[in-house]
PDB file of N, CA and C in Angstrom:
ATOM      1  N   UNK A   1      96.219 160.124 100.178  1.00  0.00           N
ATOM      2  CA  UNK A   1      95.169 160.706 100.991  1.00  0.00           C
ATOM      3  C   UNK A   1      94.583 161.900 100.232  1.00  0.00           C
ATOM      4  N   UNK A   2      93.274 161.893 100.120  1.00  0.00           N
ATOM      5  CA  UNK A   2      92.589 163.003  99.441  1.00  0.00           C
ATOM      6  C   UNK A   2      92.643 164.268 100.299  1.00  0.00           C
ATOM      7  N   UNK A   3      92.450 165.387  99.637  1.00  0.00           N
ATOM      8  CA  UNK A   3      92.460 166.670 100.335  1.00  0.00           C
ATOM      9  C   UNK A   3      91.405 166.695 101.445  1.00  0.00           C
ATOM     10  N   UNK A   4      90.220 166.147 101.167  1.00  0.00           N
ATOM     11  CA  UNK A   4      89.161 166.119 102.181  1.00  0.00           C
ATOM     12  C   UNK A   4      89.554 165.230 103.365  1.00  0.00           C
ATOM     13  N   UNK A   5      90.295 164.147 103.095  1.00  0.00           N
ATOM     14  CA  UNK A   5      90.763 163.266 104.175  1.00  0.00           C
ATOM     15  C   UNK A   5      91.772 163.998 105.057  1.00  0.00           C
ATOM     16  N   UNK A   6      92.644 164.773 104.434  1.00  0.00           N
ATOM     17  CA  UNK A   6      93.638 165.538 105.193  1.00  0.00           C
ATOM     18  C   UNK A   6      92.962 166.552 106.107  1.00  0.00           C
ATOM     19  N   UNK A   7      91.895 167.160 105.604  1.00  0.00           N
ATOM     20  CA  UNK A   7      91.161 168.132 106.413  1.00  0.00           C
ATOM     21  C   UNK A   7      90.526 167.447 107.629  1.00  0.00           C
ATOM     22  N   UNK A   8      89.912 166.300 107.403  1.00  0.00           N
ATOM     23  CA  UNK A   8      89.309 165.541 108.508  1.00  0.00           C
ATOM     24  C   UNK A   8      90.384 165.103 109.492  1.00  0.00           C
ATOM     25  N   UNK A   9      91.504 164.607 108.973  1.00  0.00           N
ATOM     26  CA  UNK A   9      92.589 164.148 109.837  1.00  0.00           C
ATOM     27  C   UNK A   9      93.103 165.288 110.708  1.00  0.00           C
ATOM     28  N   UNK A  10      93.221 166.465 110.155  1.00  0.00           N
ATOM     29  CA  UNK A  10      93.672 167.621 110.924  1.00  0.00           C
ATOM     30  C   UNK A  10      92.653 167.971 112.016  1.00  0.00           C
ATOM     31  N   UNK A  11      91.365 167.924 111.688  1.00  0.00           N
ATOM     32  CA  UNK A  11      90.329 168.195 112.688  1.00  0.00           C
ATOM     33  C   UNK A  11      90.378 167.158 113.812  1.00  0.00           C
ATOM     34  N   UNK A  12      90.559 165.885 113.448  1.00  0.00           N
ATOM     35  CA  UNK A  12      90.675 164.820 114.450  1.00  0.00           C
ATOM     36  C   UNK A  12      91.878 165.067 115.356  1.00  0.00           C
ATOM     37  N   UNK A  13      93.006 165.359 114.742  1.00  0.00           N
ATOM     38  CA  UNK A  13      94.239 165.563 115.497  1.00  0.00           C
ATOM     39  C   UNK A  13      94.093 166.726 116.480  1.00  0.00           C
ATOM     40  N   UNK A  14      93.526 167.828 116.034  1.00  0.00           N
ATOM     41  CA  UNK A  14      93.342 168.989 116.918  1.00  0.00           C
ATOM     42  C   UNK A  14      92.388 168.675 118.065  1.00  0.00           C
ATOM     43  N   UNK A  15      91.275 168.028 117.750  1.00  0.00           N
ATOM     44  CA  UNK A  15      90.288 167.702 118.786  1.00  0.00           C
ATOM     45  C   UNK A  15      90.865 166.728 119.813  1.00  0.00           C
ATOM     46  N   UNK A  16      91.535 165.686 119.326  1.00  0.00           N
ATOM     47  CA  UNK A  16      92.076 164.685 120.245  1.00  0.00           C
ATOM     48  C   UNK A  16      93.267 165.207 121.038  1.00  0.00           C
ATOM     49  N   UNK A  17      93.991 166.164 120.488  1.00  0.00           N
ATOM     50  CA  UNK A  17      95.072 166.808 121.244  1.00  0.00           C
ATOM     51  C   UNK A  17      94.490 167.578 122.427  1.00  0.00           C
ATOM     52  N   UNK A  18      93.392 168.280 122.204  1.00  0.00           N
ATOM     53  CA  UNK A  18      92.721 168.997 123.304  1.00  0.00           C
ATOM     54  C   UNK A  18      92.263 168.023 124.382  1.00  0.00           C
ATOM     55  N   UNK A  19      91.650 166.919 123.956  1.00  0.00           N
ATOM     56  CA  UNK A  19      91.186 165.907 124.907  1.00  0.00           C
ATOM     57  C   UNK A  19      92.367 165.367 125.702  1.00  0.00           C
ATOM     58  N   UNK A  20      93.438 165.046 125.015  1.00  0.00           N
ATOM     59  CA  UNK A  20      94.616 164.473 125.660  1.00  0.00           C
ATOM     60  C   UNK A  20      95.210 165.415 126.699  1.00  0.00           C
ATOM     61  N   UNK A  21      95.398 166.660 126.323  1.00  0.00           N
ATOM     62  CA  UNK A  21      95.986 167.632 127.249  1.00  0.00           C
ATOM     63  C   UNK A  21      95.147 167.777 128.512  1.00  0.00           C
ATOM     64  N   UNK A  22      93.842 167.796 128.353  1.00  0.00           N
ATOM     65  CA  UNK A  22      92.952 167.896 129.503  1.00  0.00           C
ATOM     66  C   UNK A  22      93.000 166.626 130.349  1.00  0.00           C
ATOM     67  N   UNK A  23      92.957 165.469 129.699  1.00  0.00           N
ATOM     68  CA  UNK A  23      92.957 164.197 130.418  1.00  0.00           C
ATOM     69  C   UNK A  23      94.262 163.988 131.190  1.00  0.00           C
ATOM     70  N   UNK A  24      95.368 164.445 130.631  1.00  0.00           N
ATOM     71  CA  UNK A  24      96.651 164.326 131.332  1.00  0.00           C
ATOM     72  C   UNK A  24      96.621 165.055 132.674  1.00  0.00           C
ATOM     73  N   UNK A  25      95.899 166.143 132.725  1.00  0.00           N
ATOM     74  CA  UNK A  25      95.795 166.915 133.963  1.00  0.00           C
ATOM     75  C   UNK A  25      94.786 166.322 134.943  1.00  0.00           C
ATOM     76  N   UNK A  26      93.724 165.711 134.418  1.00  0.00           N
ATOM     77  CA  UNK A  26      92.615 165.278 135.263  1.00  0.00           C
ATOM     78  C   UNK A  26      92.680 163.844 135.771  1.00  0.00           C
ATOM     79  N   UNK A  27      93.252 162.948 134.995  1.00  0.00           N
ATOM     80  CA  UNK A  27      93.122 161.516 135.294  1.00  0.00           C
ATOM     81  C   UNK A  27      94.475 160.871 135.572  1.00  0.00           C
ATOM     82  N   UNK A  28      94.620 160.369 136.771  1.00  0.00           N
ATOM     83  CA  UNK A  28      95.853 159.711 137.183  1.00  0.00           C
ATOM     84  C   UNK A  28      96.124 158.497 136.285  1.00  0.00           C
ATOM     85  N   UNK A  29      97.315 158.463 135.742  1.00  0.00           N
ATOM     86  CA  UNK A  29      97.714 157.331 134.916  1.00  0.00           C
ATOM     87  C   UNK A  29      97.404 157.474 133.440  1.00  0.00           C
ATOM     88  N   UNK A  30      96.610 158.486 133.080  1.00  0.00           N
ATOM     89  CA  UNK A  30      96.324 158.678 131.661  1.00  0.00           C
ATOM     90  C   UNK A  30      97.627 159.039 130.968  1.00  0.00           C
ATOM     91  N   UNK A  31      97.889 158.390 129.824  1.00  0.00           N
ATOM     92  CA  UNK A  31      99.150 158.596 129.115  1.00  0.00           C
ATOM     93  C   UNK A  31      98.984 159.282 127.768  1.00  0.00           C
ATOM     94  N   UNK A  32      98.083 158.769 126.919  1.00  0.00           N
ATOM     95  CA  UNK A  32      97.951 159.305 125.575  1.00  0.00           C
ATOM     96  C   UNK A  32      96.663 158.809 124.929  1.00  0.00           C
ATOM     97  N   UNK A  33      96.386 159.377 123.762  1.00  0.00           N
ATOM     98  CA  UNK A  33      95.179 159.017 123.009  1.00  0.00           C
ATOM     99  C   UNK A  33      95.579 158.860 121.544  1.00  0.00           C
ATOM    100  N   UNK A  34      94.958 157.920 120.882  1.00  0.00           N
ATOM    101  CA  UNK A  34      95.249 157.711 119.468  1.00  0.00           C
ATOM    102  C   UNK A  34      93.961 157.343 118.745  1.00  0.00           C
ATOM    103  N   UNK A  35      94.056 157.250 117.440  1.00  0.00           N
ATOM    104  CA  UNK A  35      92.879 156.873 116.664  1.00  0.00           C
ATOM    105  C   UNK A  35      93.291 156.120 115.408  1.00  0.00           C
ATOM    106  N   UNK A  36      92.350 155.353 114.901  1.00  0.00           N
ATOM    107  CA  UNK A  36      92.482 154.716 113.597  1.00  0.00           C
ATOM    108  C   UNK A  36      91.227 155.068 112.821  1.00  0.00           C
ATOM    109  N   UNK A  37      91.361 155.118 111.500  1.00  0.00           N
ATOM    110  CA  UNK A  37      90.202 155.475 110.690  1.00  0.00           C
ATOM    111  C   UNK A  37      90.410 155.002 109.257  1.00  0.00           C
ATOM    112  N   UNK A  38      89.334 154.591 108.643  1.00  0.00           N
ATOM    113  CA  UNK A  38      89.292 154.318 107.212  1.00  0.00           C
ATOM    114  C   UNK A  38      88.439 155.436 106.628  1.00  0.00           C
ATOM    115  N   UNK A  39      89.062 156.360 105.903  1.00  0.00           N
ATOM    116  CA  UNK A  39      88.344 157.532 105.421  1.00  0.00           C
ATOM    117  C   UNK A  39      87.258 157.194 104.405  1.00  0.00           C
ATOM    118  N   UNK A  40      87.317 156.008 103.831  1.00  0.00           N
ATOM    119  CA  UNK A  40      86.258 155.584 102.913  1.00  0.00           C
ATOM    120  C   UNK A  40      84.971 155.240 103.660  1.00  0.00           C
ATOM    121  N   UNK A  41      85.081 155.050 104.971  1.00  0.00           N
ATOM    122  CA  UNK A  41      83.907 154.719 105.787  1.00  0.00           C
ATOM    123  C   UNK A  41      83.797 155.650 106.992  1.00  0.00           C
ATOM    124  N   UNK A  42      84.248 156.867 106.826  1.00  0.00           N
ATOM    125  CA  UNK A  42      84.228 157.846 107.915  1.00  0.00           C
ATOM    126  C   UNK A  42      82.839 158.449 108.052  1.00  0.00           C
ATOM    127  N   UNK A  43      82.323 158.675 109.247  1.00  0.00           N
ATOM    128  CA  UNK A  43      82.939 158.573 110.564  1.00  0.00           C
ATOM    129  C   UNK A  43      82.712 157.219 111.245  1.00  0.00           C
ATOM    130  N   UNK A  44      81.944 156.353 110.607  1.00  0.00           N
ATOM    131  CA  UNK A  44      81.637 155.040 111.205  1.00  0.00           C
ATOM    132  C   UNK A  44      82.894 154.246 111.562  1.00  0.00           C
ATOM    133  N   UNK A  45      83.954 154.389 110.761  1.00  0.00           N
ATOM    134  CA  UNK A  45      85.169 153.601 110.971  1.00  0.00           C
ATOM    135  C   UNK A  45      86.103 154.181 112.028  1.00  0.00           C
ATOM    136  N   UNK A  46      85.828 155.370 112.515  1.00  0.00           N
ATOM    137  CA  UNK A  46      86.714 156.008 113.487  1.00  0.00           C
ATOM    138  C   UNK A  46      86.724 155.225 114.793  1.00  0.00           C
ATOM    139  N   UNK A  47      87.929 154.896 115.253  1.00  0.00           N
ATOM    140  CA  UNK A  47      88.124 154.246 116.538  1.00  0.00           C
ATOM    141  C   UNK A  47      89.146 155.063 117.315  1.00  0.00           C
ATOM    142  N   UNK A  48      88.795 155.395 118.551  1.00  0.00           N
ATOM    143  CA  UNK A  48      89.660 156.189 119.423  1.00  0.00           C
ATOM    144  C   UNK A  48      90.050 155.314 120.601  1.00  0.00           C
ATOM    145  N   UNK A  49      91.326 155.355 120.963  1.00  0.00           N
ATOM    146  CA  UNK A  49      91.822 154.556 122.084  1.00  0.00           C
ATOM    147  C   UNK A  49      92.483 155.495 123.088  1.00  0.00           C
ATOM    148  N   UNK A  50      91.994 155.445 124.323  1.00  0.00           N
ATOM    149  CA  UNK A  50      92.563 156.210 125.431  1.00  0.00           C
ATOM    150  C   UNK A  50      93.452 155.257 126.222  1.00  0.00           C
ATOM    151  N   UNK A  51      94.719 155.619 126.376  1.00  0.00           N
ATOM    152  CA  UNK A  51      95.696 154.707 126.970  1.00  0.00           C
ATOM    153  C   UNK A  51      96.156 155.206 128.346  1.00  0.00           C
ATOM    154  N   UNK A  52      96.089 154.275 129.298  1.00  0.00           N
ATOM    155  CA  UNK A  52      96.570 154.520 130.652  1.00  0.00           C
ATOM    156  C   UNK A  52      97.877 153.758 130.845  1.00  0.00           C
ATOM    157  N   UNK A  53      98.626 154.120 131.863  1.00  0.00           N
ATOM    158  CA  UNK A  53      99.903 153.465 132.109  1.00  0.00           C
ATOM    159  C   UNK A  53      99.692 152.011 132.548  1.00  0.00           C
ATOM    160  N   UNK A  54      98.841 151.803 133.558  1.00  0.00           N
ATOM    161  CA  UNK A  54      98.656 150.458 134.099  1.00  0.00           C
ATOM    162  C   UNK A  54      97.177 150.058 134.105  1.00  0.00           C
ATOM    163  N   UNK A  55      96.954 148.768 134.183  1.00  0.00           N
ATOM    164  CA  UNK A  55      95.587 148.260 134.303  1.00  0.00           C
ATOM    165  C   UNK A  55      94.949 148.744 135.604  1.00  0.00           C
ATOM    166  N   UNK A  56      95.733 148.827 136.657  1.00  0.00           N
ATOM    167  CA  UNK A  56      95.225 149.314 137.944  1.00  0.00           C
ATOM    168  C   UNK A  56      94.711 150.748 137.820  1.00  0.00           C
ATOM    169  N   UNK A  57      95.458 151.587 137.144  1.00  0.00           N
ATOM    170  CA  UNK A  57      95.026 152.975 136.961  1.00  0.00           C
ATOM    171  C   UNK A  57      93.776 153.052 136.091  1.00  0.00           C
ATOM    172  N   UNK A  58      93.681 152.197 135.105  1.00  0.00           N
ATOM    173  CA  UNK A  58      92.487 152.148 134.261  1.00  0.00           C
ATOM    174  C   UNK A  58      91.272 151.685 135.074  1.00  0.00           C
ATOM    175  N   UNK A  59      91.470 150.668 135.911  1.00  0.00           N
ATOM    176  CA  UNK A  59      90.365 150.210 136.775  1.00  0.00           C
ATOM    177  C   UNK A  59      89.932 151.312 137.730  1.00  0.00           C
ATOM    178  N   UNK A  60      90.891 152.036 138.290  1.00  0.00           N
ATOM    179  CA  UNK A  60      90.576 153.131 139.211  1.00  0.00           C
ATOM    180  C   UNK A  60      89.805 154.228 138.475  1.00  0.00           C
ATOM    181  N   UNK A  61      90.225 154.559 137.269  1.00  0.00           N
ATOM    182  CA  UNK A  61      89.537 155.541 136.433  1.00  0.00           C
ATOM    183  C   UNK A  61      88.078 155.134 136.243  1.00  0.00           C
ATOM    184  N   UNK A  62      87.845 153.880 135.898  1.00  0.00           N
ATOM    185  CA  UNK A  62      86.484 153.376 135.704  1.00  0.00           C
ATOM    186  C   UNK A  62      85.700 153.362 137.014  1.00  0.00           C
ATOM    187  N   UNK A  63      86.340 152.918 138.085  1.00  0.00           N
ATOM    188  CA  UNK A  63      85.685 152.828 139.393  1.00  0.00           C
ATOM    189  C   UNK A  63      85.250 154.206 139.897  1.00  0.00           C
ATOM    190  N   UNK A  64      86.028 155.217 139.576  1.00  0.00           N
ATOM    191  CA  UNK A  64      85.707 156.577 140.021  1.00  0.00           C
ATOM    192  C   UNK A  64      84.685 157.258 139.122  1.00  0.00           C
ATOM    193  N   UNK A  65      84.230 156.576 138.097  1.00  0.00           N
ATOM    194  CA  UNK A  65      83.179 157.108 137.241  1.00  0.00           C
ATOM    195  C   UNK A  65      83.618 158.168 136.255  1.00  0.00           C
ATOM    196  N   UNK A  66      84.890 158.198 135.924  1.00  0.00           N
ATOM    197  CA  UNK A  66      85.399 159.234 135.023  1.00  0.00           C
ATOM    198  C   UNK A  66      85.120 158.944 133.545  1.00  0.00           C
ATOM    199  N   UNK A  67      84.789 157.719 133.223  1.00  0.00           N
ATOM    200  CA  UNK A  67      84.602 157.349 131.818  1.00  0.00           C
ATOM    201  C   UNK A  67      83.544 158.215 131.135  1.00  0.00           C
ATOM    202  N   UNK A  68      82.434 158.426 131.789  1.00  0.00           N
ATOM    203  CA  UNK A  68      81.354 159.220 131.216  1.00  0.00           C
ATOM    204  C   UNK A  68      81.811 160.642 130.894  1.00  0.00           C
ATOM    205  N   UNK A  69      82.567 161.233 131.802  1.00  0.00           N
ATOM    206  CA  UNK A  69      83.053 162.593 131.589  1.00  0.00           C
ATOM    207  C   UNK A  69      84.039 162.656 130.422  1.00  0.00           C
ATOM    208  N   UNK A  70      84.926 161.671 130.332  1.00  0.00           N
ATOM    209  CA  UNK A  70      85.897 161.682 129.243  1.00  0.00           C
ATOM    210  C   UNK A  70      85.208 161.434 127.898  1.00  0.00           C
ATOM    211  N   UNK A  71      84.243 160.529 127.872  1.00  0.00           N
ATOM    212  CA  UNK A  71      83.487 160.304 126.637  1.00  0.00           C
ATOM    213  C   UNK A  71      82.747 161.574 126.210  1.00  0.00           C
ATOM    214  N   UNK A  72      82.169 162.275 127.165  1.00  0.00           N
ATOM    215  CA  UNK A  72      81.464 163.522 126.857  1.00  0.00           C
ATOM    216  C   UNK A  72      82.430 164.570 126.295  1.00  0.00           C
ATOM    217  N   UNK A  73      83.633 164.627 126.855  1.00  0.00           N
ATOM    218  CA  UNK A  73      84.608 165.585 126.354  1.00  0.00           C
ATOM    219  C   UNK A  73      85.048 165.222 124.933  1.00  0.00           C
ATOM    220  N   UNK A  74      85.260 163.942 124.675  1.00  0.00           N
ATOM    221  CA  UNK A  74      85.636 163.508 123.328  1.00  0.00           C
ATOM    222  C   UNK A  74      84.537 163.893 122.339  1.00  0.00           C
ATOM    223  N   UNK A  75      83.304 163.605 122.703  1.00  0.00           N
ATOM    224  CA  UNK A  75      82.175 163.919 121.815  1.00  0.00           C
ATOM    225  C   UNK A  75      82.090 165.421 121.547  1.00  0.00           C
ATOM    226  N   UNK A  76      82.245 166.211 122.591  1.00  0.00           N
ATOM    227  CA  UNK A  76      82.162 167.666 122.473  1.00  0.00           C
ATOM    228  C   UNK A  76      83.303 168.220 121.611  1.00  0.00           C
ATOM    229  N   UNK A  77      84.524 167.769 121.849  1.00  0.00           N
ATOM    230  CA  UNK A  77      85.667 168.268 121.078  1.00  0.00           C
ATOM    231  C   UNK A  77      85.565 167.881 119.609  1.00  0.00           C
ATOM    232  N   UNK A  78      85.100 166.671 119.343  1.00  0.00           N
ATOM    233  CA  UNK A  78      84.918 166.258 117.952  1.00  0.00           C
ATOM    234  C   UNK A  78      83.809 167.079 117.298  1.00  0.00           C
ATOM    235  N   UNK A  79      82.711 167.275 118.022  1.00  0.00           N
ATOM    236  CA  UNK A  79      81.592 168.057 117.483  1.00  0.00           C
ATOM    237  C   UNK A  79      82.018 169.486 117.192  1.00  0.00           C
ATOM    238  N   UNK A  80      82.872 170.050 118.045  1.00  0.00           N
ATOM    239  CA  UNK A  80      83.389 171.396 117.802  1.00  0.00           C
ATOM    240  C   UNK A  80      84.166 171.462 116.487  1.00  0.00           C
ATOM    241  N   UNK A  81      84.736 170.322 116.086  1.00  0.00           N
ATOM    242  CA  UNK A  81      85.463 170.244 114.823  1.00  0.00           C
ATOM    243  C   UNK A  81      84.600 169.763 113.668  1.00  0.00           C
ATOM    244  N   UNK A  82      83.289 169.641 113.925  1.00  0.00           N
ATOM    245  CA  UNK A  82      82.370 169.227 112.872  1.00  0.00           C
ATOM    246  C   UNK A  82      82.277 167.733 112.669  1.00  0.00           C
ATOM    247  N   UNK A  83      82.740 166.951 113.650  1.00  0.00           N
ATOM    248  CA  UNK A  83      82.716 165.485 113.544  1.00  0.00           C
ATOM    249  C   UNK A  83      81.721 164.938 114.546  1.00  0.00           C
ATOM    250  N   UNK A  84      80.705 164.271 114.043  1.00  0.00           N
ATOM    251  CA  UNK A  84      79.674 163.694 114.906  1.00  0.00           C
ATOM    252  C   UNK A  84      79.826 162.172 114.956  1.00  0.00           C
ATOM    253  N   UNK A  85      79.840 161.621 116.160  1.00  0.00           N
ATOM    254  CA  UNK A  85      79.884 160.170 116.337  1.00  0.00           C
ATOM    255  C   UNK A  85      78.535 159.694 116.855  1.00  0.00           C
ATOM    256  N   UNK A  86      78.023 158.640 116.242  1.00  0.00           N
ATOM    257  CA  UNK A  86      76.724 158.113 116.646  1.00  0.00           C
ATOM    258  C   UNK A  86      76.820 157.014 117.689  1.00  0.00           C
ATOM    259  N   UNK A  87      77.955 156.336 117.765  1.00  0.00           N
ATOM    260  CA  UNK A  87      78.087 155.203 118.659  1.00  0.00           C
ATOM    261  C   UNK A  87      79.367 155.331 119.483  1.00  0.00           C
ATOM    262  N   UNK A  88      79.394 156.319 120.341  1.00  0.00           N
ATOM    263  CA  UNK A  88      80.586 156.644 121.112  1.00  0.00           C
ATOM    264  C   UNK A  88      81.105 155.455 121.922  1.00  0.00           C
ATOM    265  N   UNK A  89      80.212 154.712 122.553  1.00  0.00           N
ATOM    266  CA  UNK A  89      80.647 153.579 123.375  1.00  0.00           C
ATOM    267  C   UNK A  89      81.371 152.516 122.559  1.00  0.00           C
ATOM    268  N   UNK A  90      80.988 152.356 121.315  1.00  0.00           N
ATOM    269  CA  UNK A  90      81.643 151.376 120.453  1.00  0.00           C
ATOM    270  C   UNK A  90      82.905 151.947 119.811  1.00  0.00           C
ATOM    271  N   UNK A  91      82.943 153.236 119.580  1.00  0.00           N
ATOM    272  CA  UNK A  91      84.044 153.846 118.849  1.00  0.00           C
ATOM    273  C   UNK A  91      85.187 154.330 119.734  1.00  0.00           C
ATOM    274  N   UNK A  92      84.978 154.365 121.035  1.00  0.00           N
ATOM    275  CA  UNK A  92      86.029 154.770 121.965  1.00  0.00           C
ATOM    276  C   UNK A  92      86.303 153.603 122.901  1.00  0.00           C
ATOM    277  N   UNK A  93      87.573 153.241 123.001  1.00  0.00           N
ATOM    278  CA  UNK A  93      87.948 152.163 123.919  1.00  0.00           C
ATOM    279  C   UNK A  93      89.067 152.644 124.839  1.00  0.00           C
ATOM    280  N   UNK A  94      89.322 151.854 125.869  1.00  0.00           N
ATOM    281  CA  UNK A  94      90.316 152.198 126.877  1.00  0.00           C
ATOM    282  C   UNK A  94      91.280 151.032 127.008  1.00  0.00           C
ATOM    283  N   UNK A  95      92.554 151.351 127.141  1.00  0.00           N
ATOM    284  CA  UNK A  95      93.580 150.324 127.157  1.00  0.00           C
ATOM    285  C   UNK A  95      94.708 150.781 128.080  1.00  0.00           C
ATOM    286  N   UNK A  96      95.724 149.920 128.222  1.00  0.00           N
ATOM    287  CA  UNK A  96      96.856 150.299 129.072  1.00  0.00           C
ATOM    288  C   UNK A  96      98.168 149.836 128.458  1.00  0.00           C
ATOM    289  N   UNK A  97      99.199 150.541 128.853  1.00  0.00           N
ATOM    290  CA  UNK A  97     100.555 150.175 128.424  1.00  0.00           C
ATOM    291  C   UNK A  97     100.908 148.771 128.899  1.00  0.00           C
ATOM    292  N   UNK A  98     100.522 148.440 130.131  1.00  0.00           N
ATOM    293  CA  UNK A  98     100.873 147.115 130.653  1.00  0.00           C
ATOM    294  C   UNK A  98     100.172 146.000 129.878  1.00  0.00           C
ATOM    295  N   UNK A  99      98.922 146.210 129.495  1.00  0.00           N
ATOM    296  CA  UNK A  99      98.210 145.188 128.722  1.00  0.00           C
ATOM    297  C   UNK A  99      98.864 145.005 127.359  1.00  0.00           C
ATOM    298  N   UNK A 100      99.263 146.093 126.726  1.00  0.00           N
ATOM    299  CA  UNK A 100      99.943 146.007 125.432  1.00  0.00           C
ATOM    300  C   UNK A 100     101.274 145.270 125.585  1.00  0.00           C
ATOM    301  N   UNK A 101     101.990 145.579 126.647  1.00  0.00           N
ATOM    302  CA  UNK A 101     103.277 144.924 126.880  1.00  0.00           C
ATOM    303  C   UNK A 101     103.081 143.418 127.075  1.00  0.00           C
ATOM    304  N   UNK A 102     102.091 143.037 127.848  1.00  0.00           N
ATOM    305  CA  UNK A 102     101.845 141.626 128.135  1.00  0.00           C
ATOM    306  C   UNK A 102     101.317 140.865 126.919  1.00  0.00           C
ATOM    307  N   UNK A 103     100.451 141.477 126.143  1.00  0.00           N
ATOM    308  CA  UNK A 103      99.778 140.765 125.065  1.00  0.00           C
ATOM    309  C   UNK A 103     100.400 140.961 123.688  1.00  0.00           C
ATOM    310  N   UNK A 104     101.114 142.072 123.478  1.00  0.00           N
ATOM    311  CA  UNK A 104     101.674 142.358 122.154  1.00  0.00           C
ATOM    312  C   UNK A 104     103.122 142.835 122.229  1.00  0.00           C
ATOM    313  N   UNK A 105     103.804 142.497 123.317  1.00  0.00           N
ATOM    314  CA  UNK A 105     105.212 142.859 123.481  1.00  0.00           C
ATOM    315  C   UNK A 105     105.461 144.358 123.337  1.00  0.00           C
ATOM    316  N   UNK A 106     104.475 145.156 123.700  1.00  0.00           N
ATOM    317  CA  UNK A 106     104.616 146.608 123.626  1.00  0.00           C
ATOM    318  C   UNK A 106     104.450 147.182 122.232  1.00  0.00           C
ATOM    319  N   UNK A 107     104.030 146.368 121.277  1.00  0.00           N
ATOM    320  CA  UNK A 107     103.885 146.803 119.893  1.00  0.00           C
ATOM    321  C   UNK A 107     102.475 147.356 119.675  1.00  0.00           C
ATOM    322  N   UNK A 108     102.335 148.666 119.796  1.00  0.00           N
ATOM    323  CA  UNK A 108     101.020 149.294 119.669  1.00  0.00           C
ATOM    324  C   UNK A 108     100.458 149.188 118.263  1.00  0.00           C
ATOM    325  N   UNK A 109     101.295 149.246 117.250  1.00  0.00           N
ATOM    326  CA  UNK A 109     100.807 149.116 115.875  1.00  0.00           C
ATOM    327  C   UNK A 109     100.134 147.757 115.689  1.00  0.00           C
ATOM    328  N   UNK A 110     100.763 146.718 116.192  1.00  0.00           N
ATOM    329  CA  UNK A 110     100.187 145.372 116.108  1.00  0.00           C
ATOM    330  C   UNK A 110      98.905 145.279 116.927  1.00  0.00           C
ATOM    331  N   UNK A 111      98.912 145.860 118.105  1.00  0.00           N
ATOM    332  CA  UNK A 111      97.731 145.818 118.982  1.00  0.00           C
ATOM    333  C   UNK A 111      96.538 146.535 118.348  1.00  0.00           C
ATOM    334  N   UNK A 112      96.785 147.708 117.778  1.00  0.00           N
ATOM    335  CA  UNK A 112      95.701 148.457 117.151  1.00  0.00           C
ATOM    336  C   UNK A 112      95.189 147.737 115.909  1.00  0.00           C
ATOM    337  N   UNK A 113      96.078 147.149 115.149  1.00  0.00           N
ATOM    338  CA  UNK A 113      95.673 146.387 113.965  1.00  0.00           C
ATOM    339  C   UNK A 113      94.818 145.188 114.370  1.00  0.00           C
ATOM    340  N   UNK A 114      95.217 144.491 115.435  1.00  0.00           N
ATOM    341  CA  UNK A 114      94.441 143.354 115.933  1.00  0.00           C
ATOM    342  C   UNK A 114      93.063 143.801 116.395  1.00  0.00           C
ATOM    343  N   UNK A 115      92.985 144.968 117.017  1.00  0.00           N
ATOM    344  CA  UNK A 115      91.694 145.491 117.483  1.00  0.00           C
ATOM    345  C   UNK A 115      90.779 145.802 116.305  1.00  0.00           C
ATOM    346  N   UNK A 116      91.342 146.341 115.233  1.00  0.00           N
ATOM    347  CA  UNK A 116      90.553 146.654 114.044  1.00  0.00           C
ATOM    348  C   UNK A 116      90.016 145.371 113.425  1.00  0.00           C
ATOM    349  N   UNK A 117      90.861 144.370 113.315  1.00  0.00           N
ATOM    350  CA  UNK A 117      90.436 143.084 112.753  1.00  0.00           C
ATOM    351  C   UNK A 117      89.352 142.466 113.622  1.00  0.00           C
ATOM    352  N   UNK A 118      89.558 142.493 114.927  1.00  0.00           N
ATOM    353  CA  UNK A 118      88.573 141.944 115.857  1.00  0.00           C
ATOM    354  C   UNK A 118      87.248 142.691 115.740  1.00  0.00           C
ATOM    355  N   UNK A 119      87.333 144.011 115.590  1.00  0.00           N
ATOM    356  CA  UNK A 119      86.132 144.830 115.442  1.00  0.00           C
ATOM    357  C   UNK A 119      85.348 144.438 114.185  1.00  0.00           C
ATOM    358  N   UNK A 120      86.056 144.170 113.107  1.00  0.00           N
ATOM    359  CA  UNK A 120      85.392 143.797 111.847  1.00  0.00           C
ATOM    360  C   UNK A 120      84.722 142.432 111.952  1.00  0.00           C
ATOM    361  N   UNK A 121      85.220 141.595 112.848  1.00  0.00           N
ATOM    362  CA  UNK A 121      84.638 140.267 113.029  1.00  0.00           C
ATOM    363  C   UNK A 121      83.342 140.321 113.831  1.00  0.00           C
ATOM    364  N   UNK A 122      83.122 141.395 114.549  1.00  0.00           N
ATOM    365  CA  UNK A 122      81.916 141.506 115.403  1.00  0.00           C
ATOM    366  C   UNK A 122      80.910 142.450 114.811  1.00  0.00           C
TER     367      UNK A 122
END
């Protein structure tokens, strides 16, 4: 990893930690947030995944209209760190622990890798 990549990674980690801490307090069922990135194609390659405990909690989150607020917070926190995303709706996705358990036996590394491959196909 190049020095510039480490700097970006640190900015991402700090921004997403802020988002996570806030979301844990605000949204029922929110569990954690993660990201994948190819620094050779940054920021276009950045993918952020917000994870809820259950599909029901994720549906409730969407039904209550919280998605827009969380996306705005992600955009703001990243921008505060000097990271601008042009296609937030495509670069941020929402998932659940139960869906990962059902579809990938709880293996998040495999699930995220499959999502990246699927993304490249579209």
